[in-house]
């Protein structure tokens, strides 16, 4: 089997596309259409390339165009699965009055002027 030149698979499928659309509308599968044309020698491309070009060029399966606009910031925050929490207060050590324990603190030397 020889390699096809660049774009040859697309040209082969494009040449047969009207008939392929009729077969698809009648309920034939892409595989049965591929096998029929392969046996007749009308196509030489691989099955994956045939499927890809039929999907792209077919009237029966138009490609969906997705909206490529970005959501606004408010919608993005509403749709976000991550909860945005407010900052936590920094923990402080409990005072001696709260715990009832005396904490031993080292005495610091005082320097006098």
C-alpha atoms as a PDB file:
ATOM      1  CA  UNK A   1       0.000   0.000   0.000  1.00  0.00           C
ATOM      2  CA  UNK A   2       1.373   3.371  -0.980  1.00  0.00           C
ATOM      3  CA  UNK A   3       1.056   6.546   1.010  1.00  0.00           C
ATOM      4  CA  UNK A   4      -1.369   9.105  -0.312  1.00  0.00           C
ATOM      5  CA  UNK A   5      -0.235  12.580  -1.175  1.00  0.00           C
ATOM      6  CA  UNK A   6      -1.258  15.420   1.090  1.00  0.00           C
ATOM      7  CA  UNK A   7      -5.014  16.034   0.843  1.00  0.00           C
ATOM      8  CA  UNK A   8      -5.723  12.970  -1.293  1.00  0.00           C
ATOM      9  CA  UNK A   9      -8.145  11.429   1.230  1.00  0.00           C
ATOM     10  CA  UNK A  10     -10.127  14.657   1.328  1.00  0.00           C
ATOM     11  CA  UNK A  11     -10.312  14.775  -2.467  1.00  0.00           C
ATOM     12  CA  UNK A  12     -11.470  11.157  -2.666  1.00  0.00           C
ATOM     13  CA  UNK A  13     -14.233  11.675  -0.105  1.00  0.00           C
ATOM     14  CA  UNK A  14     -15.232  15.046  -1.576  1.00  0.00           C
ATOM     15  CA  UNK A  15     -15.658  13.477  -5.030  1.00  0.00           C
ATOM     16  CA  UNK A  16     -18.112  10.913  -3.599  1.00  0.00           C
ATOM     17  CA  UNK A  17     -19.779  13.130  -0.981  1.00  0.00           C
ATOM     18  CA  UNK A  18     -23.173  13.492  -2.717  1.00  0.00           C
ATOM     19  CA  UNK A  19     -23.536   9.707  -2.936  1.00  0.00           C
ATOM     20  CA  UNK A  20     -22.251   9.256   0.616  1.00  0.00           C
ATOM     21  CA  UNK A  21     -24.908  11.689   1.915  1.00  0.00           C
ATOM     22  CA  UNK A  22     -27.608   9.696   0.113  1.00  0.00           C
ATOM     23  CA  UNK A  23     -26.364   6.436   1.616  1.00  0.00           C
ATOM     24  CA  UNK A  24     -26.219   7.984   5.099  1.00  0.00           C
ATOM     25  CA  UNK A  25     -29.776   9.328   4.698  1.00  0.00           C
ATOM     26  CA  UNK A  26     -30.914   5.794   3.738  1.00  0.00           C
ATOM     27  CA  UNK A  27     -29.465   4.479   7.010  1.00  0.00           C
ATOM     28  CA  UNK A  28     -26.202   2.922   5.828  1.00  0.00           C
ATOM     29  CA  UNK A  29     -23.275   3.088   8.213  1.00  0.00           C
ATOM     30  CA  UNK A  30     -19.991   4.805   7.428  1.00  0.00           C
ATOM     31  CA  UNK A  31     -18.283   1.429   7.684  1.00  0.00           C
ATOM     32  CA  UNK A  32     -20.512  -0.215   5.063  1.00  0.00           C
ATOM     33  CA  UNK A  33     -20.064   2.759   2.713  1.00  0.00           C
ATOM     34  CA  UNK A  34     -16.283   2.646   3.203  1.00  0.00           C
ATOM     35  CA  UNK A  35     -16.118  -1.105   2.538  1.00  0.00           C
ATOM     36  CA  UNK A  36     -18.255  -0.756  -0.620  1.00  0.00           C
ATOM     37  CA  UNK A  37     -16.095   2.020  -2.107  1.00  0.00           C
ATOM     38  CA  UNK A  38     -12.891   0.263  -1.059  1.00  0.00           C
ATOM     39  CA  UNK A  39     -14.017  -2.932  -2.834  1.00  0.00           C
ATOM     40  CA  UNK A  40     -14.912  -0.934  -5.960  1.00  0.00           C
ATOM     41  CA  UNK A  41     -11.488   0.750  -5.881  1.00  0.00           C
ATOM     42  CA  UNK A  42     -12.993   4.240  -5.747  1.00  0.00           C
ATOM     43  CA  UNK A  43     -11.088   5.138  -2.565  1.00  0.00           C
ATOM     44  CA  UNK A  44      -7.618   4.266  -1.370  1.00  0.00           C
ATOM     45  CA  UNK A  45      -7.523   6.170   1.912  1.00  0.00           C
ATOM     46  CA  UNK A  46      -7.543   4.579   5.336  1.00  0.00           C
ATOM     47  CA  UNK A  47     -10.756   4.110   7.260  1.00  0.00           C
ATOM     48  CA  UNK A  48      -9.908   6.728   9.908  1.00  0.00           C
ATOM     49  CA  UNK A  49      -9.297   9.378   7.248  1.00  0.00           C
ATOM     50  CA  UNK A  50     -12.539   8.412   5.471  1.00  0.00           C
ATOM     51  CA  UNK A  51     -14.523   8.712   8.711  1.00  0.00           C
ATOM     52  CA  UNK A  52     -12.913  12.042   9.577  1.00  0.00           C
ATOM     53  CA  UNK A  53     -13.691  13.610   6.195  1.00  0.00           C
ATOM     54  CA  UNK A  54     -17.212  12.209   6.064  1.00  0.00           C
ATOM     55  CA  UNK A  55     -17.882  13.724   9.491  1.00  0.00           C
ATOM     56  CA  UNK A  56     -16.490  17.083   8.411  1.00  0.00           C
ATOM     57  CA  UNK A  57     -18.147  17.265   4.986  1.00  0.00           C
ATOM     58  CA  UNK A  58     -21.443  15.473   5.514  1.00  0.00           C
ATOM     59  CA  UNK A  59     -24.803  17.263   5.343  1.00  0.00           C
ATOM     60  CA  UNK A  60     -26.246  14.644   7.695  1.00  0.00           C
ATOM     61  CA  UNK A  61     -23.848  15.492  10.513  1.00  0.00           C
ATOM     62  CA  UNK A  62     -23.149  19.235  10.441  1.00  0.00           C
ATOM     63  CA  UNK A  63     -20.456  20.412  12.790  1.00  0.00           C
ATOM     64  CA  UNK A  64     -21.650  22.413  15.738  1.00  0.00           C
ATOM     65  CA  UNK A  65     -20.132  25.844  16.070  1.00  0.00           C
ATOM     66  CA  UNK A  66     -19.485  26.586  19.712  1.00  0.00           C
ATOM     67  CA  UNK A  67     -19.895  30.051  21.115  1.00  0.00           C
ATOM     68  CA  UNK A  68     -16.386  31.232  21.789  1.00  0.00           C
ATOM     69  CA  UNK A  69     -17.280  34.282  23.842  1.00  0.00           C
ATOM     70  CA  UNK A  70     -15.999  34.329  27.380  1.00  0.00           C
ATOM     71  CA  UNK A  71     -18.496  34.521  30.238  1.00  0.00           C
ATOM     72  CA  UNK A  72     -18.668  37.671  32.263  1.00  0.00           C
ATOM     73  CA  UNK A  73     -16.897  37.741  35.608  1.00  0.00           C
ATOM     74  CA  UNK A  74     -20.155  37.531  37.575  1.00  0.00           C
ATOM     75  CA  UNK A  75     -21.333  34.454  35.675  1.00  0.00           C
ATOM     76  CA  UNK A  76     -17.939  32.820  35.987  1.00  0.00           C
ATOM     77  CA  UNK A  77     -17.959  33.286  39.776  1.00  0.00           C
ATOM     78  CA  UNK A  78     -21.543  31.979  40.041  1.00  0.00           C
ATOM     79  CA  UNK A  79     -20.730  28.921  37.946  1.00  0.00           C
ATOM     80  CA  UNK A  80     -17.453  28.245  39.713  1.00  0.00           C
ATOM     81  CA  UNK A  81     -17.480  24.977  41.674  1.00  0.00           C
ATOM     82  CA  UNK A  82     -14.904  26.389  44.094  1.00  0.00           C
ATOM     83  CA  UNK A  83     -16.247  28.300  47.061  1.00  0.00           C
ATOM     84  CA  UNK A  84     -14.563  31.581  47.679  1.00  0.00           C
ATOM     85  CA  UNK A  85     -14.071  31.920  51.416  1.00  0.00           C
ATOM     86  CA  UNK A  86     -13.383  35.073  53.305  1.00  0.00           C
ATOM     87  CA  UNK A  87      -9.937  35.268  54.879  1.00  0.00           C
ATOM     88  CA  UNK A  88      -9.656  33.590  58.238  1.00  0.00           C
ATOM     89  CA  UNK A  89      -8.586  35.661  61.235  1.00  0.00           C
ATOM     90  CA  UNK A  90      -5.051  35.042  62.352  1.00  0.00           C
ATOM     91  CA  UNK A  91      -4.917  32.813  65.402  1.00  0.00           C
ATOM     92  CA  UNK A  92      -3.729  34.394  68.615  1.00  0.00           C
ATOM     93  CA  UNK A  93      -2.318  32.720  71.683  1.00  0.00           C
ATOM     94  CA  UNK A  94      -4.806  32.538  74.542  1.00  0.00           C
ATOM     95  CA  UNK A  95      -4.112  34.934  77.370  1.00  0.00           C
ATOM     96  CA  UNK A  96      -3.333  33.873  80.934  1.00  0.00           C
ATOM     97  CA  UNK A  97      -6.789  34.954  82.007  1.00  0.00           C
ATOM     98  CA  UNK A  98      -8.467  32.707  79.425  1.00  0.00           C
ATOM     99  CA  UNK A  99      -6.481  29.585  80.293  1.00  0.00           C
ATOM    100  CA  UNK A 100      -5.985  30.128  83.977  1.00  0.00           C
ATOM    101  CA  UNK A 101      -2.362  29.039  83.623  1.00  0.00           C
ATOM    102  CA  UNK A 102       0.684  31.116  84.334  1.00  0.00           C
ATOM    103  CA  UNK A 103       3.092  31.244  81.465  1.00  0.00           C
ATOM    104  CA  UNK A 104       6.766  31.483  82.340  1.00  0.00           C
ATOM    105  CA  UNK A 105       8.273  34.294  80.328  1.00  0.00           C
ATOM    106  CA  UNK A 106      11.953  35.118  80.430  1.00  0.00           C
ATOM    107  CA  UNK A 107      12.791  38.470  81.926  1.00  0.00           C
ATOM    108  CA  UNK A 108      14.542  40.783  79.558  1.00  0.00           C
ATOM    109  CA  UNK A 109      17.334  43.056  80.659  1.00  0.00           C
ATOM    110  CA  UNK A 110      16.532  46.701  80.595  1.00  0.00           C
ATOM    111  CA  UNK A 111      19.034  49.112  79.341  1.00  0.00           C
ATOM    112  CA  UNK A 112      18.942  52.462  80.983  1.00  0.00           C
ATOM    113  CA  UNK A 113      20.124  55.578  79.271  1.00  0.00           C
END
